[in-house]
Protein backbone atom coordinates (compact mmCIF):
# COMPACT_ATOMS: atom_id res chain seq x y z
CA UNK A 1 -53.64 113.46 -84.33
CA UNK A 2 -57.32 112.40 -82.72
CA UNK A 3 -57.05 114.64 -80.02
CA UNK A 4 -55.99 117.60 -82.02
CA UNK A 5 -58.78 116.86 -84.53
CA UNK A 6 -61.01 116.51 -81.48
CA UNK A 7 -60.13 119.77 -79.95
CA UNK A 8 -61.26 121.72 -82.66
CA UNK A 9 -64.77 119.82 -83.05
CA UNK A 10 -65.34 120.46 -79.52
CA UNK A 11 -64.35 124.40 -79.70
CA UNK A 12 -66.72 124.63 -82.13
CA UNK A 13 -69.61 122.63 -80.61
CA UNK A 14 -70.59 119.29 -80.55
CA UNK A 15 -73.76 118.37 -82.48
CA UNK A 16 -76.38 116.56 -79.80
CA UNK A 17 -80.20 115.89 -79.94
CA UNK A 18 -81.63 115.85 -76.37
CA UNK A 19 -84.94 114.15 -75.66
CA UNK A 20 -86.63 115.09 -72.18
CA UNK A 21 -88.77 113.51 -69.76
CA UNK A 22 -91.53 116.09 -70.80
CA UNK A 23 -91.27 114.42 -74.32
CA UNK A 24 -89.28 117.36 -75.90
CA UNK A 25 -86.76 116.62 -78.48
CA UNK A 26 -83.73 119.53 -78.43
CA UNK A 27 -81.23 119.68 -80.84
CA UNK A 28 -77.71 122.00 -81.23
CA UNK A 29 -74.09 122.18 -79.51
CA UNK A 30 -73.30 121.64 -76.11
CA UNK A 31 -71.11 123.46 -74.32
CA UNK A 32 -71.07 122.01 -71.17
CA UNK A 33 -71.53 118.77 -68.94
CA UNK A 34 -71.81 118.18 -65.37
CA UNK A 35 -73.16 116.10 -63.01
CA UNK A 36 -75.52 118.32 -62.61
CA UNK A 37 -77.26 118.42 -66.04
CA UNK A 38 -75.89 119.53 -69.60
CA UNK A 39 -75.97 122.70 -71.83
CA UNK A 40 -77.05 122.68 -74.98
CA UNK A 41 -76.24 125.83 -77.54
CA UNK A 42 -78.75 126.13 -80.87
CA UNK A 43 -78.28 127.65 -83.94
CA UNK A 44 -81.00 129.58 -85.76
CA UNK A 45 -81.47 126.54 -87.44
CA UNK A 46 -82.25 124.20 -84.43
CA UNK A 47 -84.56 126.80 -83.30
CA UNK A 48 -86.46 126.92 -86.54
CA UNK A 49 -86.46 123.05 -86.55
CA UNK A 50 -87.90 123.02 -82.87
CA UNK A 51 -90.69 125.43 -83.91
CA UNK A 52 -91.92 123.06 -86.41
CA UNK A 53 -91.80 120.12 -83.85
CA UNK A 54 -94.05 122.32 -81.70
CA UNK A 55 -96.38 123.07 -84.02
CA UNK A 56 -96.52 119.20 -84.82
CA UNK A 57 -96.79 118.44 -81.12
CA UNK A 58 -99.67 121.41 -80.61
CA UNK A 59 -101.80 119.50 -83.67
CA UNK A 60 -101.32 115.95 -81.57
CA UNK A 61 -102.58 117.38 -78.15
CA UNK A 62 -105.59 118.71 -80.22
CA UNK A 63 -105.19 122.63 -79.89
CA UNK A 64 -105.58 124.56 -82.78
CA UNK A 65 -103.27 126.55 -85.16
CA UNK A 66 -103.10 129.77 -83.25
CA UNK A 67 -102.33 127.69 -79.64
CA UNK A 68 -99.57 125.59 -81.43
CA UNK A 69 -98.42 129.09 -83.58
CA UNK A 70 -98.43 130.86 -79.95
CA UNK A 71 -96.64 128.63 -78.22
CA UNK A 72 -93.87 128.00 -81.41
CA UNK A 73 -93.94 131.56 -81.04
CA UNK A 74 -92.56 132.09 -77.46
CA UNK A 75 -90.01 129.22 -78.07
CA UNK A 76 -88.65 131.16 -81.15
CA UNK A 77 -88.79 134.23 -79.27
CA UNK A 78 -87.06 133.08 -76.45
CA UNK A 79 -83.48 133.89 -76.18
CA UNK A 80 -82.24 131.90 -73.61
CA UNK A 81 -83.96 128.70 -75.58
CA UNK A 82 -80.86 129.25 -77.22
CA UNK A 83 -78.61 128.48 -74.29
CA UNK A 84 -80.59 125.70 -72.72
CA UNK A 85 -79.41 124.15 -69.11
CA UNK A 86 -81.07 120.64 -68.60
CA UNK A 87 -80.81 119.36 -65.34
CA UNK A 88 -80.27 115.47 -65.09
CA UNK A 89 -83.73 115.29 -63.54
CA UNK A 90 -85.19 116.32 -66.87
CA UNK A 91 -82.81 114.36 -69.03
CA UNK A 92 -83.45 111.58 -70.79
CA UNK A 93 -81.38 110.55 -73.69
CA UNK A 94 -78.92 112.47 -75.51
CA UNK A 95 -77.47 111.46 -78.78
CA UNK A 96 -74.41 112.42 -80.30
CA UNK A 97 -74.33 114.07 -83.98
CA UNK A 98 -71.29 112.62 -86.41
CA UNK A 99 -69.36 115.67 -87.52
CA UNK A 100 -67.69 114.47 -90.76
CA UNK A 101 -67.23 111.54 -92.81
CA UNK A 102 -63.47 111.10 -91.24
CA UNK A 103 -62.63 107.73 -89.60
CA UNK A 104 -61.65 109.67 -86.94
CA UNK A 105 -65.12 110.96 -85.89
CA UNK A 106 -67.14 107.85 -87.03
CA UNK A 107 -65.09 105.33 -84.89
CA UNK A 108 -63.95 103.46 -87.30
CA UNK A 109 -60.36 103.97 -86.07
CA UNK A 110 -61.24 102.71 -83.26
CA UNK A 111 -63.78 99.84 -83.47
CA UNK A 112 -63.58 95.92 -82.29
CA UNK A 113 -61.39 94.64 -85.04
CA UNK A 114 -58.69 96.78 -82.95
CA UNK A 115 -59.47 95.62 -79.91
CA UNK A 116 -57.77 92.99 -78.37
CA UNK A 117 -60.68 91.98 -75.61
CA UNK A 118 -63.75 92.92 -74.17
CA UNK A 119 -63.48 93.82 -70.07
CA UNK A 120 -67.05 93.51 -68.13
CA UNK A 121 -66.74 95.31 -64.96
CA UNK A 122 -69.03 94.45 -61.85
CA UNK A 123 -71.24 96.88 -62.36
CA UNK A 124 -71.81 95.51 -66.57
CA UNK A 125 -69.69 98.29 -67.96
CA UNK A 126 -68.04 96.77 -71.10
CA UNK A 127 -64.37 97.82 -71.95
CA UNK A 128 -62.85 97.23 -75.55
CA UNK A 129 -59.29 96.95 -74.20
CA UNK A 130 -56.01 96.55 -76.58
CA UNK A 131 -53.78 94.88 -73.77
CA UNK A 132 -54.91 93.82 -70.22
CA UNK A 133 -52.42 92.20 -67.54
CA UNK A 134 -52.41 91.69 -63.55
CA UNK A 135 -50.46 91.36 -60.87
CA UNK A 136 -51.27 91.23 -56.93
CA UNK A 137 -55.18 91.41 -57.81
CA UNK A 138 -54.58 94.58 -59.51
CA UNK A 139 -55.56 94.63 -63.05
CA UNK A 140 -53.72 97.15 -65.81
CA UNK A 141 -54.99 98.36 -69.54
CA UNK A 142 -55.32 100.24 -72.16
CA UNK A 143 -58.02 101.35 -74.36
CA UNK A 144 -57.89 102.39 -78.24
CA UNK A 145 -59.18 106.01 -77.28
CA UNK A 146 -55.90 106.61 -75.10
CA UNK A 147 -52.19 105.23 -74.79
CA UNK A 148 -52.63 105.96 -70.93
CA UNK A 149 -53.01 102.95 -68.90
CA UNK A 150 -56.05 102.21 -66.48
CA UNK A 151 -55.65 100.55 -63.56
CA UNK A 152 -58.68 98.60 -61.18
CA UNK A 153 -58.51 95.85 -58.76
CA UNK A 154 -59.81 92.26 -60.12
CA UNK A 155 -62.68 92.50 -57.48
CA UNK A 156 -64.64 95.31 -59.42
CA UNK A 157 -63.68 92.80 -62.70
CA UNK A 158 -66.90 90.44 -63.86
CA UNK A 159 -65.45 88.94 -66.72
CA UNK A 160 -62.44 89.42 -69.61
CA UNK A 161 -63.37 88.36 -73.07
CA UNK A 162 -60.00 87.45 -75.15
CA UNK A 163 -62.01 88.09 -78.87
CA UNK A 164 -62.54 91.09 -80.53
CA UNK A 165 -65.39 89.76 -81.83
CA UNK A 166 -68.00 91.65 -79.90
CA UNK A 167 -71.28 89.25 -80.31
CA UNK A 168 -69.16 86.56 -79.53
CA UNK A 169 -67.99 87.67 -76.53
CA UNK A 170 -71.66 88.83 -75.16
CA UNK A 171 -72.82 85.16 -75.98
CA UNK A 172 -70.30 84.10 -73.72
CA UNK A 173 -70.67 86.56 -71.28
CA UNK A 174 -74.40 85.53 -71.22
CA UNK A 175 -73.52 82.04 -70.63
CA UNK A 176 -71.57 82.58 -67.77
CA UNK A 177 -73.61 84.47 -65.98
CA UNK A 178 -76.21 82.30 -65.85
CA UNK A 179 -73.52 79.64 -64.25
CA UNK A 180 -73.25 79.51 -60.73
CA UNK A 181 -69.99 80.11 -60.61
CA UNK A 182 -68.13 78.78 -57.19
CA UNK A 183 -64.81 79.57 -57.98
CA UNK A 184 -62.63 82.14 -60.82
CA UNK A 185 -63.02 80.38 -64.27
CA UNK A 186 -61.00 79.98 -67.10
CA UNK A 187 -62.22 79.55 -70.76
CA UNK A 188 -59.61 77.47 -72.67
CA UNK A 189 -60.67 76.72 -76.79
CA UNK A 190 -60.30 73.82 -77.81
CA UNK A 191 -57.43 73.31 -80.58
CA UNK A 192 -58.78 73.05 -83.80
CA UNK A 193 -62.18 73.66 -82.98
CA UNK A 194 -65.10 76.13 -81.74
CA UNK A 195 -65.91 74.10 -78.71
CA UNK A 196 -64.81 75.37 -74.93
CA UNK A 197 -63.36 73.92 -71.96
CA UNK A 198 -64.36 75.58 -68.43
CA UNK A 199 -61.80 75.19 -65.79
CA UNK A 200 -62.53 76.31 -61.86
CA UNK A 201 -59.97 77.26 -59.92
CA UNK A 202 -57.98 80.87 -58.98
CA UNK A 203 -57.12 82.88 -61.50
CA UNK A 204 -53.47 84.72 -60.60
CA UNK A 205 -51.08 87.12 -62.18
CA UNK A 206 -51.61 87.77 -65.95
CA UNK A 207 -49.13 88.76 -68.42
CA UNK A 208 -48.87 89.35 -72.19
CA UNK A 209 -48.09 85.57 -72.37
CA UNK A 210 -49.14 83.51 -69.85
CA UNK A 211 -51.69 83.46 -67.39
CA UNK A 212 -51.26 81.72 -63.64
CA UNK A 213 -53.86 79.25 -62.58
CA UNK A 214 -54.37 77.81 -59.80
CA UNK A 215 -55.93 74.30 -60.34
CA UNK A 216 -56.82 71.85 -57.47
CA UNK A 217 -53.93 73.54 -55.57
CA UNK A 218 -51.53 73.21 -58.69
CA UNK A 219 -50.15 76.00 -60.45
CA UNK A 220 -50.33 75.93 -64.12
CA UNK A 221 -49.13 78.57 -66.66
CA UNK A 222 -51.69 78.88 -69.19
CA UNK A 223 -50.74 80.54 -72.79
CA UNK A 224 -52.52 83.29 -73.18
CA UNK A 225 -53.24 82.38 -76.90
CA UNK A 226 -55.35 78.91 -75.51
CA UNK A 227 -57.69 81.53 -73.31
CA UNK A 228 -60.97 82.06 -74.73
CA UNK A 229 -62.15 84.18 -71.07
CA UNK A 230 -61.54 84.83 -67.60
CA UNK A 231 -64.38 85.12 -64.99
CA UNK A 232 -63.71 86.29 -61.82
CA UNK A 233 -65.61 84.97 -58.79
CA UNK A 234 -66.72 87.13 -56.05
CA UNK A 235 -68.26 85.68 -53.17
CA UNK A 236 -69.45 89.02 -51.52
CA UNK A 237 -70.13 91.54 -54.82
CA UNK A 238 -69.05 95.21 -53.69
CA UNK A 239 -71.88 97.60 -53.34
CA UNK A 240 -71.85 99.76 -56.68
CA UNK A 241 -72.57 103.86 -56.28
CA UNK A 242 -76.09 104.80 -57.85
CA UNK A 243 -76.27 104.84 -62.06
CA UNK A 244 -76.31 108.91 -63.49
CA UNK A 245 -76.59 107.09 -67.20
CA UNK A 246 -75.45 104.51 -69.44
CA UNK A 247 -73.06 105.86 -71.84
CA UNK A 248 -72.56 103.98 -75.20
CA UNK A 249 -69.62 104.42 -77.75
CA UNK A 250 -69.09 103.97 -81.13
CA UNK A 251 -66.62 101.04 -80.74
CA UNK A 252 -69.22 99.12 -78.45
CA UNK A 253 -68.19 100.27 -75.18
CA UNK A 254 -70.71 100.55 -73.03
CA UNK A 255 -70.36 102.25 -69.52
CA UNK A 256 -72.72 102.49 -66.31
CA UNK A 257 -71.38 105.86 -65.44
CA UNK A 258 -71.85 107.48 -62.03
CA UNK A 259 -70.36 110.74 -62.70
CA UNK A 260 -69.60 112.57 -66.03
CA UNK A 261 -68.01 115.97 -66.11
CA UNK A 262 -66.84 117.48 -69.40
CA UNK A 263 -63.31 119.24 -69.55
CA UNK A 264 -62.31 120.75 -72.71
CA UNK A 265 -62.46 117.71 -75.83
CA UNK A 266 -62.79 115.12 -73.39
CA UNK A 267 -65.76 113.54 -71.30
CA UNK A 268 -64.29 112.43 -67.55
CA UNK A 269 -66.51 109.93 -66.14
CA UNK A 270 -66.66 107.43 -62.79
CA UNK A 271 -68.14 104.21 -63.29
CA UNK A 272 -70.65 102.66 -61.03
CA UNK A 273 -67.64 100.27 -59.92
CA UNK A 274 -65.24 103.05 -58.86
CA UNK A 275 -63.15 102.95 -62.58
CA UNK A 276 -62.28 106.49 -63.74
CA UNK A 277 -61.39 107.42 -66.92
CA UNK A 278 -61.56 109.74 -70.08
CA UNK A 279 -63.25 109.68 -73.15
CA UNK A 280 -63.52 111.99 -76.33
CA UNK A 281 -66.34 113.54 -76.71
CA UNK A 282 -66.56 113.04 -80.87
CA UNK A 283 -66.56 109.08 -79.93
CA UNK A 284 -69.96 108.90 -78.08
CA UNK A 285 -72.83 107.58 -79.80
CA UNK A 286 -75.42 107.91 -76.84
CA UNK A 287 -76.41 108.78 -73.19
CA UNK A 288 -79.25 106.88 -71.79
CA UNK A 289 -80.81 108.95 -68.56
CA UNK A 290 -84.22 106.95 -68.32
CA UNK A 291 -83.40 104.68 -65.51
CA UNK A 292 -85.72 104.72 -62.84
CA UNK A 293 -87.44 108.20 -64.95
CA UNK A 294 -89.98 105.93 -67.10
CA UNK A 295 -90.72 102.46 -68.33
CA UNK A 296 -91.58 101.40 -72.10
CA UNK A 297 -94.69 99.22 -71.76
CA UNK A 298 -92.95 97.28 -74.31
CA UNK A 299 -90.10 96.64 -71.88
CA UNK A 300 -92.68 95.48 -69.24
CA UNK A 301 -94.47 91.75 -69.50
CA UNK A 302 -98.42 92.55 -69.38
CA UNK A 303 -100.55 91.03 -66.46
CA UNK A 304 -103.02 90.28 -68.93
CA UNK A 305 -103.35 90.75 -72.95
CA UNK A 306 -106.32 89.47 -74.40
CA UNK A 307 -107.53 89.88 -78.47
CA UNK A 308 -111.20 89.45 -79.25
CA UNK A 309 -111.42 88.74 -83.38
CA UNK A 310 -115.08 89.89 -84.41
CA UNK A 311 -116.05 86.32 -85.36
CA UNK A 312 -115.51 83.85 -82.14
CA UNK A 313 -112.48 81.34 -82.70
CA UNK A 314 -112.79 77.98 -81.21
CA UNK A 315 -110.47 77.06 -78.47
CA UNK A 316 -108.01 74.96 -80.56
CA UNK A 317 -107.39 78.00 -83.01
CA UNK A 318 -104.10 78.96 -80.93
CA UNK A 319 -102.16 80.15 -83.96
CA UNK A 320 -104.89 82.32 -85.05
CA UNK A 321 -105.38 83.84 -81.76
CA UNK A 322 -101.78 84.60 -81.45
CA UNK A 323 -101.33 86.35 -84.42
CA UNK A 324 -103.77 88.71 -83.29
CA UNK A 325 -102.20 89.61 -80.00
CA UNK A 326 -99.99 93.10 -79.47
CA UNK A 327 -96.23 93.69 -81.33
CA UNK A 328 -93.54 95.02 -79.22
CA UNK A 329 -91.47 97.81 -81.00
CA UNK A 330 -92.68 96.37 -84.47
CA UNK A 331 -95.86 96.66 -86.60
CA UNK A 332 -97.91 93.64 -87.45
CA UNK A 333 -95.95 93.56 -90.48
CA UNK A 334 -92.83 92.68 -89.18
CA UNK A 335 -91.51 96.44 -89.77
CA UNK A 336 -90.61 99.12 -87.92
CA UNK A 337 -93.66 101.10 -86.15
CA UNK A 338 -94.27 104.08 -87.94
CA UNK A 339 -97.24 107.26 -88.04
CA UNK A 340 -97.91 109.43 -90.97
CA UNK A 341 -98.04 113.17 -89.89
CA UNK A 342 -100.01 115.49 -92.32
CA UNK A 343 -98.33 118.72 -93.82
CA UNK A 344 -101.31 120.35 -93.20
CA UNK A 345 -104.79 120.08 -92.37
CA UNK A 346 -106.13 116.97 -89.60
CA UNK A 347 -109.27 116.77 -91.09
CA UNK A 348 -110.66 114.10 -93.06
CA UNK A 349 -109.91 115.70 -96.57
CA UNK A 350 -106.06 116.17 -96.15
CA UNK A 351 -104.16 114.29 -98.56
CA UNK A 352 -102.08 111.25 -97.49
CA UNK A 353 -99.57 111.60 -100.30
CA UNK A 354 -98.69 114.91 -98.56
CA UNK A 355 -97.70 113.47 -95.16
CA UNK A 356 -94.63 112.84 -93.50
CA UNK A 357 -94.04 109.39 -92.22
CA UNK A 358 -92.11 109.02 -88.92
CA UNK A 359 -90.23 105.61 -87.82
CA UNK A 360 -89.74 104.81 -83.98
CA UNK A 361 -87.99 102.66 -82.17
CA UNK A 362 -90.04 101.73 -79.31
CA UNK A 363 -93.97 101.30 -78.64
CA UNK A 364 -97.16 99.07 -79.42
CA UNK A 365 -98.97 97.79 -82.33
CA UNK A 366 -102.27 96.82 -81.12
CA UNK A 367 -105.77 95.84 -82.85
CA UNK A 368 -109.31 96.31 -82.14
CA UNK A 369 -111.07 94.61 -79.54
CA UNK A 370 -107.63 94.28 -77.49
CA UNK A 371 -107.22 95.00 -74.04
CA UNK A 372 -103.92 95.01 -72.38
CA UNK A 373 -103.03 95.47 -68.58
CA UNK A 374 -100.02 96.42 -66.73
CA UNK A 375 -98.55 96.38 -62.92
CA UNK A 376 -97.37 100.05 -62.70
CA UNK A 377 -93.75 100.53 -61.32
CA UNK A 378 -93.46 102.20 -58.23
CA UNK A 379 -92.90 106.01 -58.64
CA UNK A 380 -94.26 105.91 -61.89
CA UNK A 381 -97.28 108.59 -61.95
CA UNK A 382 -97.92 109.43 -65.97
CA UNK A 383 -99.04 107.24 -68.83
CA UNK A 384 -97.71 108.90 -72.21
CA UNK A 385 -97.85 107.99 -75.87
CA UNK A 386 -98.74 109.43 -79.33
CA UNK A 387 -101.70 107.04 -80.86
CA UNK A 388 -102.17 106.63 -84.32
CA UNK A 389 -103.46 104.03 -87.01
CA UNK A 390 -100.87 101.89 -89.11
CA UNK A 391 -99.82 103.94 -92.12
CA UNK A 392 -100.83 100.49 -94.17
CA UNK A 393 -104.30 101.20 -92.95
CA UNK A 394 -104.85 104.65 -92.63
CA UNK A 395 -107.70 104.43 -95.66
CA UNK A 396 -109.91 102.26 -93.21
CA UNK A 397 -108.03 102.33 -89.77
CA UNK A 398 -110.85 103.94 -86.70
CA UNK A 399 -110.62 102.68 -83.77
CA UNK A 400 -111.71 103.80 -79.66
CA UNK A 401 -109.08 103.87 -77.40
CA UNK A 402 -109.60 103.85 -73.37
CA UNK A 403 -106.95 104.32 -70.83
CA UNK A 404 -107.86 103.29 -67.32
CA UNK A 405 -105.87 104.21 -64.12
CA UNK A 406 -107.39 101.04 -62.09
CA UNK A 407 -110.49 100.80 -62.35
CA UNK A 408 -111.19 104.99 -63.39
CA UNK A 409 -111.19 105.90 -67.10
CA UNK A 410 -108.63 108.72 -67.36
CA UNK A 411 -108.43 108.85 -71.25
CA UNK A 412 -111.19 108.28 -74.22
CA UNK A 413 -110.96 109.22 -77.68
CA UNK A 414 -110.95 108.26 -81.09
CA UNK A 415 -107.64 107.09 -83.15
CA UNK A 416 -108.49 107.82 -87.13
CA UNK A 417 -106.22 106.98 -90.07
CA UNK A 418 -107.78 110.32 -91.47
CA UNK A 419 -106.71 112.53 -88.55
CA UNK A 420 -102.84 113.48 -87.38
CA UNK A 421 -101.81 111.12 -84.98
CA UNK A 422 -102.71 112.33 -81.15
CA UNK A 423 -100.94 113.03 -78.48
CA UNK A 424 -101.70 110.84 -74.63
CA UNK A 425 -100.81 111.90 -71.07
CA UNK A 426 -102.51 110.77 -68.61
CA UNK A 427 -102.22 110.60 -64.65
CA UNK A 428 -102.36 107.65 -63.06
CA UNK A 429 -102.22 108.73 -59.68
CA UNK A 430 -101.83 106.41 -56.96
CA UNK A 431 -103.04 103.44 -59.00
CA UNK A 432 -101.31 100.25 -59.06
CA UNK A 433 -102.65 99.20 -62.56
CA UNK A 434 -102.96 100.42 -66.07
CA UNK A 435 -105.35 99.17 -68.52
CA UNK A 436 -105.47 99.99 -72.19
CA UNK A 437 -108.53 99.00 -74.37
CA UNK A 438 -108.83 99.25 -77.96
CA UNK A 439 -112.53 98.91 -79.56
CA UNK A 440 -114.48 99.13 -82.89
CA UNK A 441 -114.72 102.69 -84.47
CA UNK A 442 -116.42 103.48 -87.23
CA UNK A 443 -115.82 100.51 -89.39
CA UNK A 444 -115.81 97.70 -87.42
CA UNK A 445 -112.34 95.94 -87.36
CA UNK A 446 -111.73 97.35 -91.13
CA UNK A 447 -107.84 98.29 -91.08
CA UNK A 448 -108.13 98.57 -87.22
CA UNK A 449 -104.12 98.51 -86.36
CA UNK A 450 -103.41 101.27 -84.05
CA UNK A 451 -99.35 102.06 -82.98
CA UNK A 452 -98.78 103.36 -79.26
CA UNK A 453 -95.38 104.59 -80.27
CA UNK A 454 -93.29 105.71 -77.42
CA UNK A 455 -95.92 104.54 -75.10
CA UNK A 456 -94.31 104.70 -71.32
CA UNK A 457 -95.08 105.39 -67.63
CA UNK A 458 -92.76 107.65 -65.96
CA UNK A 459 -92.33 110.07 -62.37
């Protein structure tokens, strides 16, 4: 039943939103997906939405209305943009839309409560599974996506967690990963207790009822019902293939994919550890192509961060000093990062009540008189972000923002709460250090909370 319903959806086109390295966002319907890239078809509504985005982006870059309208007009008039092929090199992220409230499409039919266990491969791919068995070093398991049995050598498996609780499984995974394993590990759930025992030995065959475990030379059959997890020891881990993208499914699967190919209603894929499998397209949540293409500043540790309050503080006032330091992926109030985008006009007279508030998952919140320095990862050559005042302080906020590549100033401008957010793209050339400085604007430190959303360095 599921596959028949999925076929109907895919034949009509499955809704996706694609984000590119250059910052463009394209909404439409996926018609092809290969190891080389993805093809998106867009209807009139999708093109119209993008035209609106282009107008907004033109304003963010500081272009006039004439320039923005020209760019948007070219995009609207271009027929090939309705069937747009995006190469892997340009892909950054794909998010998959929800086509129906039916559980068959939302993933509620195959969520964690149906999983027997979580299987973790050596490439860190995570699969919810419904059955697991091992014979002579070859593991066989099934997923909720299909009744077909999958097979992989145990030297490709990192761990198996016998729980349907995803959070508990990941917590145990992190604990075992931190241990310096000297052999296979059998994790036993103590009777009528939340405590776990770990035994080191050699894992053998696994059936639906028991696990053969060699402990100090003695073969011990252990009831599967008593086992919380298995961890396989690899003295010489096999080399994984290059990562193309990370696929996330609605049931919690996280797959490190080396290759993908859309065939009808199924996405055929090979993980970096060599496992081949197929997943119905409606079960996908997102595909992350960002590895090696960009790094968000909120994911980097700064080599220097300093905030200087307007009134000098004694060295003992450490808590107050910490209060003024940058926030990662959240505002100074602890809420999501956000910006106000005016519906019309960008001068100081535009009405804040008519502005659209957009939220963002990645970025930095900074106060005036803040300096940040980052070591630029290899191959990254551009700094990109959108800068605007925190919506909570737009009536007063005004700062001067400076971006340096090494010692060279590559961008400088004013960020005002009474103007539209500003798109920034600066060439970092061959410098190894990115330096960001936020200084006072017109109102000293009043309302000076600036959000650098989607702040990142890229190729």
